[in-house]
């Protein structure tokens, strides 16, 4: 059996089987200004979420992660927790890269949603970036929703709804595919001018997430968390730095 056949035979690996109560899926994958990825990494650390499953995929880019002289394959890591103030669980998911092809993004997104629904999820939330020009006026957090009712909920918490354009990548696709499955969902995007890391925009997205779901989160601790990240974490994980001509998440 080849290495790829072995990996695919272990595509979904449960480390444990926690009892989850109506879990909400919160996902963020690497992207512009590291906003979504930083937000989800902070959630995992701050909420002391426990890893319980891994999803391997041949749709990830053809590179491995180096840690302490060792290598590991790319995968989706799933964590669970019950934040203070929330009467249901969170499944928090992330990876060190997005799928490298359009087809791969669809297939991996659907596999993530299969996993979520198998564990009782009815709501899918993603976090990412919204790039603006210096003279553009936008709210700190903008967003899109799966349905009109959820869109009103976002507006209630001062999330500006986007009414045109496209969100590129799995952070947008996951919510769209969730809607096809009649799941509720929304994507929170922190407004940013770009760069390697935008902690301010990340903090705004985290505050919006906690307020909408109604759980306690000390986002002030993000300032302490950022310096602890390895330098290798402060990259786009396979995504090049955007230039003025480059297409970003929002078209």
Protein backbone atom coordinates (compact mmCIF):
# COMPACT_ATOMS: atom_id res chain seq x y z
CA UNK A 1 0.00 0.00 0.00
CA UNK A 2 1.36 3.44 -0.97
CA UNK A 3 1.81 6.32 1.47
CA UNK A 4 -1.14 8.20 -0.05
CA UNK A 5 -3.35 5.08 0.19
CA UNK A 6 -2.42 4.68 3.84
CA UNK A 7 -3.23 8.34 4.56
CA UNK A 8 -6.55 8.13 2.74
CA UNK A 9 -7.53 4.96 4.60
CA UNK A 10 -7.11 7.02 7.78
CA UNK A 11 -8.86 10.05 6.30
CA UNK A 12 -10.92 10.68 9.47
CA UNK A 13 -9.19 9.85 12.72
CA UNK A 14 -11.14 10.20 15.98
CA UNK A 15 -8.88 10.67 19.00
CA UNK A 16 -11.89 10.53 21.31
CA UNK A 17 -15.70 10.65 21.10
CA UNK A 18 -16.97 13.46 23.34
CA UNK A 19 -20.68 13.89 24.04
CA UNK A 20 -21.54 17.12 22.23
CA UNK A 21 -24.69 19.18 22.78
CA UNK A 22 -25.97 20.82 19.57
CA UNK A 23 -22.47 21.97 18.62
CA UNK A 24 -21.81 25.09 16.55
CA UNK A 25 -19.00 24.66 14.03
CA UNK A 26 -16.50 27.55 13.98
CA UNK A 27 -13.89 27.28 11.21
CA UNK A 28 -11.06 29.47 9.98
CA UNK A 29 -8.29 28.65 7.55
CA UNK A 30 -5.20 30.70 6.65
CA UNK A 31 -5.77 33.82 4.60
CA UNK A 32 -5.09 37.52 4.26
CA UNK A 33 -3.69 39.31 7.33
CA UNK A 34 -3.97 36.00 9.22
CA UNK A 35 -7.27 37.25 10.71
CA UNK A 36 -9.35 34.08 10.64
CA UNK A 37 -6.48 31.74 11.47
CA UNK A 38 -5.28 33.89 14.38
CA UNK A 39 -8.86 34.14 15.68
CA UNK A 40 -9.40 30.39 15.69
CA UNK A 41 -5.97 29.64 17.20
CA UNK A 42 -6.77 32.10 19.98
CA UNK A 43 -10.17 30.49 20.59
CA UNK A 44 -8.53 27.09 20.95
CA UNK A 45 -5.98 28.40 23.45
CA UNK A 46 -8.24 30.76 25.40
CA UNK A 47 -11.19 28.36 25.69
CA UNK A 48 -8.88 25.40 26.41
CA UNK A 49 -10.50 23.44 23.63
CA UNK A 50 -9.58 19.76 23.39
CA UNK A 51 -8.62 18.15 20.10
CA UNK A 52 -10.80 15.16 19.32
CA UNK A 53 -10.49 14.42 15.60
CA UNK A 54 -8.31 14.88 12.51
CA UNK A 55 -9.28 14.93 8.84
CA UNK A 56 -6.60 14.12 6.25
CA UNK A 57 -6.97 15.07 2.60
CA UNK A 58 -5.04 14.75 -0.67
CA UNK A 59 -6.46 18.14 -1.64
CA UNK A 60 -4.02 20.07 0.55
CA UNK A 61 -0.91 21.62 -1.05
CA UNK A 62 2.10 19.39 -1.61
CA UNK A 63 4.14 20.46 1.43
CA UNK A 64 4.51 19.40 5.04
CA UNK A 65 4.80 21.31 8.31
CA UNK A 66 8.14 21.34 10.13
CA UNK A 67 8.17 21.38 13.92
CA UNK A 68 11.29 20.78 16.01
CA UNK A 69 13.07 18.94 13.22
CA UNK A 70 10.07 16.69 12.55
CA UNK A 71 7.52 16.82 9.76
CA UNK A 72 3.77 16.30 9.71
CA UNK A 73 1.21 16.20 6.92
CA UNK A 74 -1.42 18.88 6.53
CA UNK A 75 -4.80 18.05 8.04
CA UNK A 76 -7.92 19.61 9.52
CA UNK A 77 -7.87 19.55 13.32
CA UNK A 78 -11.16 19.52 15.22
CA UNK A 79 -11.45 20.71 18.84
CA UNK A 80 -14.40 20.92 21.22
CA UNK A 81 -15.24 23.14 24.19
CA UNK A 82 -18.17 24.64 26.13
CA UNK A 83 -17.48 28.39 26.69
CA UNK A 84 -18.89 30.14 29.75
CA UNK A 85 -22.33 31.53 28.95
CA UNK A 86 -23.03 29.15 26.07
CA UNK A 87 -25.52 26.32 26.58
CA UNK A 88 -24.17 24.31 23.66
CA UNK A 89 -20.76 23.12 22.55
CA UNK A 90 -18.40 24.58 20.00
CA UNK A 91 -16.52 22.51 17.46
CA UNK A 92 -13.52 24.62 16.46
CA UNK A 93 -11.73 23.57 13.28
CA UNK A 94 -8.64 24.77 11.49
CA UNK A 95 -5.74 23.71 9.28
CA UNK A 96 -2.39 25.13 8.18
CA UNK A 97 -3.59 25.61 4.59
CA UNK A 98 -6.62 25.64 2.35
CA UNK A 99 -7.16 23.08 -0.39
CA UNK A 100 -4.99 23.92 -3.39
CA UNK A 101 -7.54 23.54 -6.23
CA UNK A 102 -11.11 24.65 -6.81
CA UNK A 103 -12.35 21.07 -6.87
CA UNK A 104 -10.37 20.31 -3.73
CA UNK A 105 -11.91 23.27 -1.93
CA UNK A 106 -15.41 21.98 -2.69
CA UNK A 107 -14.63 18.40 -1.71
CA UNK A 108 -12.76 19.26 1.49
CA UNK A 109 -15.45 21.78 2.49
CA UNK A 110 -18.12 19.11 2.05
CA UNK A 111 -16.08 16.62 4.09
CA UNK A 112 -15.80 19.17 6.91
CA UNK A 113 -19.57 19.72 6.76
CA UNK A 114 -20.20 15.95 6.72
CA UNK A 115 -18.14 15.66 9.89
CA UNK A 116 -20.02 18.54 11.50
CA UNK A 117 -23.50 17.24 10.70
CA UNK A 118 -22.53 13.73 11.81
CA UNK A 119 -21.79 15.34 15.18
CA UNK A 120 -25.12 17.20 15.37
CA UNK A 121 -24.14 20.62 14.04
CA UNK A 122 -26.84 22.91 12.64
CA UNK A 123 -24.85 26.17 12.48
CA UNK A 124 -21.60 26.91 10.63
CA UNK A 125 -19.49 30.02 11.25
CA UNK A 126 -16.30 31.09 9.50
CA UNK A 127 -13.90 33.99 10.02
CA UNK A 128 -11.71 35.74 7.47
CA UNK A 129 -10.52 39.12 6.15
CA UNK A 130 -12.06 41.90 4.09
CA UNK A 131 -9.44 44.10 2.44
CA UNK A 132 -10.26 47.81 2.12
CA UNK A 133 -8.41 50.78 0.67
CA UNK A 134 -7.22 53.58 2.99
CA UNK A 135 -10.02 55.90 1.86
CA UNK A 136 -12.79 53.30 2.14
CA UNK A 137 -15.27 53.55 5.00
CA UNK A 138 -16.47 50.25 6.43
CA UNK A 139 -17.46 48.78 9.78
CA UNK A 140 -14.74 46.93 11.68
CA UNK A 141 -16.57 43.68 10.94
CA UNK A 142 -18.58 42.92 7.82
CA UNK A 143 -20.32 39.70 6.99
CA UNK A 144 -22.64 37.50 5.00
CA UNK A 145 -25.25 35.00 6.12
CA UNK A 146 -26.97 31.85 4.92
CA UNK A 147 -30.51 33.26 5.28
CA UNK A 148 -32.47 36.42 5.99
CA UNK A 149 -33.06 35.61 9.66
CA UNK A 150 -29.34 35.12 10.32
CA UNK A 151 -28.55 38.29 8.36
CA UNK A 152 -30.80 40.26 10.72
CA UNK A 153 -28.96 38.72 13.66
CA UNK A 154 -25.65 39.98 12.28
CA UNK A 155 -27.05 43.47 11.83
CA UNK A 156 -28.32 43.42 15.41
CA UNK A 157 -24.71 43.06 16.53
CA UNK A 158 -23.40 45.82 14.25
CA UNK A 159 -21.99 43.57 11.56
CA UNK A 160 -22.29 45.37 8.22
CA UNK A 161 -23.81 43.11 5.56
CA UNK A 162 -22.06 42.88 2.19
CA UNK A 163 -24.45 43.26 -0.73
CA UNK A 164 -22.20 42.51 -3.69
CA UNK A 165 -18.98 40.80 -4.72
CA UNK A 166 -17.59 37.32 -4.06
CA UNK A 167 -15.78 35.71 -1.14
CA UNK A 168 -12.98 33.54 -2.50
CA UNK A 169 -11.78 30.42 -0.72
CA UNK A 170 -13.06 27.89 1.79
CA UNK A 171 -13.91 30.45 4.49
CA UNK A 172 -16.73 31.65 2.24
CA UNK A 173 -17.49 28.35 0.53
CA UNK A 174 -18.17 26.53 3.80
CA UNK A 175 -21.04 28.89 4.65
CA UNK A 176 -22.49 28.73 1.14
CA UNK A 177 -22.42 24.94 1.09
CA UNK A 178 -23.90 24.85 4.59
CA UNK A 179 -26.86 26.86 3.28
CA UNK A 180 -27.37 24.29 0.50
CA UNK A 181 -27.72 21.69 3.27
CA UNK A 182 -30.32 23.88 5.05
CA UNK A 183 -27.86 24.67 7.82
CA UNK A 184 -27.65 28.17 9.22
CA UNK A 185 -24.36 29.99 8.98
CA UNK A 186 -22.46 33.21 8.58
CA UNK A 187 -19.00 34.52 7.79
CA UNK A 188 -17.44 37.32 9.85
CA UNK A 189 -14.78 39.33 8.03
CA UNK A 190 -12.48 41.80 9.75
CA UNK A 191 -11.74 44.89 7.68
CA UNK A 192 -8.02 45.29 7.05
CA UNK A 193 -5.49 46.94 4.77
CA UNK A 194 -3.66 43.61 4.53
CA UNK A 195 -0.18 42.71 5.68
CA UNK A 196 1.07 39.61 7.47
CA UNK A 197 -0.96 39.95 10.64
CA UNK A 198 -3.77 42.28 11.73
CA UNK A 199 -4.42 41.68 15.43
CA UNK A 200 -6.80 44.64 15.71
CA UNK A 201 -9.11 43.26 13.03
CA UNK A 202 -8.85 39.81 14.59
CA UNK A 203 -9.94 41.21 17.94
CA UNK A 204 -12.99 42.86 16.35
CA UNK A 205 -14.03 39.57 14.71
CA UNK A 206 -13.64 37.67 17.99
CA UNK A 207 -15.73 40.25 19.87
CA UNK A 208 -18.47 39.97 17.25
CA UNK A 209 -18.42 36.17 17.43
CA UNK A 210 -18.67 36.10 21.23
CA UNK A 211 -21.45 38.70 21.27
CA UNK A 212 -23.53 36.94 18.62
CA UNK A 213 -23.26 33.52 20.24
CA UNK A 214 -23.49 34.94 23.76
CA UNK A 215 -20.42 33.51 25.45
CA UNK A 216 -17.68 35.08 27.55
CA UNK A 217 -14.32 35.73 25.88
CA UNK A 218 -11.50 37.96 27.12
CA UNK A 219 -10.23 39.26 23.79
CA UNK A 220 -7.73 41.43 25.66
CA UNK A 221 -5.64 38.29 26.09
CA UNK A 222 -5.03 38.27 22.32
CA UNK A 223 -2.24 40.83 22.84
CA UNK A 224 -0.48 38.32 25.09
CA UNK A 225 -1.14 35.43 22.73
CA UNK A 226 0.36 36.90 19.55
CA UNK A 227 3.99 37.08 20.82
CA UNK A 228 3.85 33.37 21.74
CA UNK A 229 3.23 32.30 18.14
CA UNK A 230 6.24 30.79 16.33
CA UNK A 231 7.46 32.94 13.45
CA UNK A 232 6.44 30.16 11.09
CA UNK A 233 2.84 30.71 12.18
CA UNK A 234 2.90 34.33 11.08
CA UNK A 235 2.64 33.51 7.39
CA UNK A 236 -0.12 32.92 4.91
CA UNK A 237 0.59 29.17 5.03
CA UNK A 238 1.00 28.80 1.29
CA UNK A 239 -0.78 32.02 0.29
CA UNK A 240 1.49 34.70 -1.22
CA UNK A 241 1.48 38.27 0.05
CA UNK A 242 -1.21 40.13 -1.97
CA UNK A 243 -0.06 42.80 -4.38
CA UNK A 244 -2.10 45.76 -5.58
CA UNK A 245 -3.12 43.80 -8.68
CA UNK A 246 -3.84 40.53 -6.95
CA UNK A 247 -7.37 39.25 -6.45
CA UNK A 248 -8.24 39.12 -2.75
CA UNK A 249 -11.03 37.37 -0.86
CA UNK A 250 -13.65 39.88 -1.90
CA UNK A 251 -14.24 40.58 -5.59
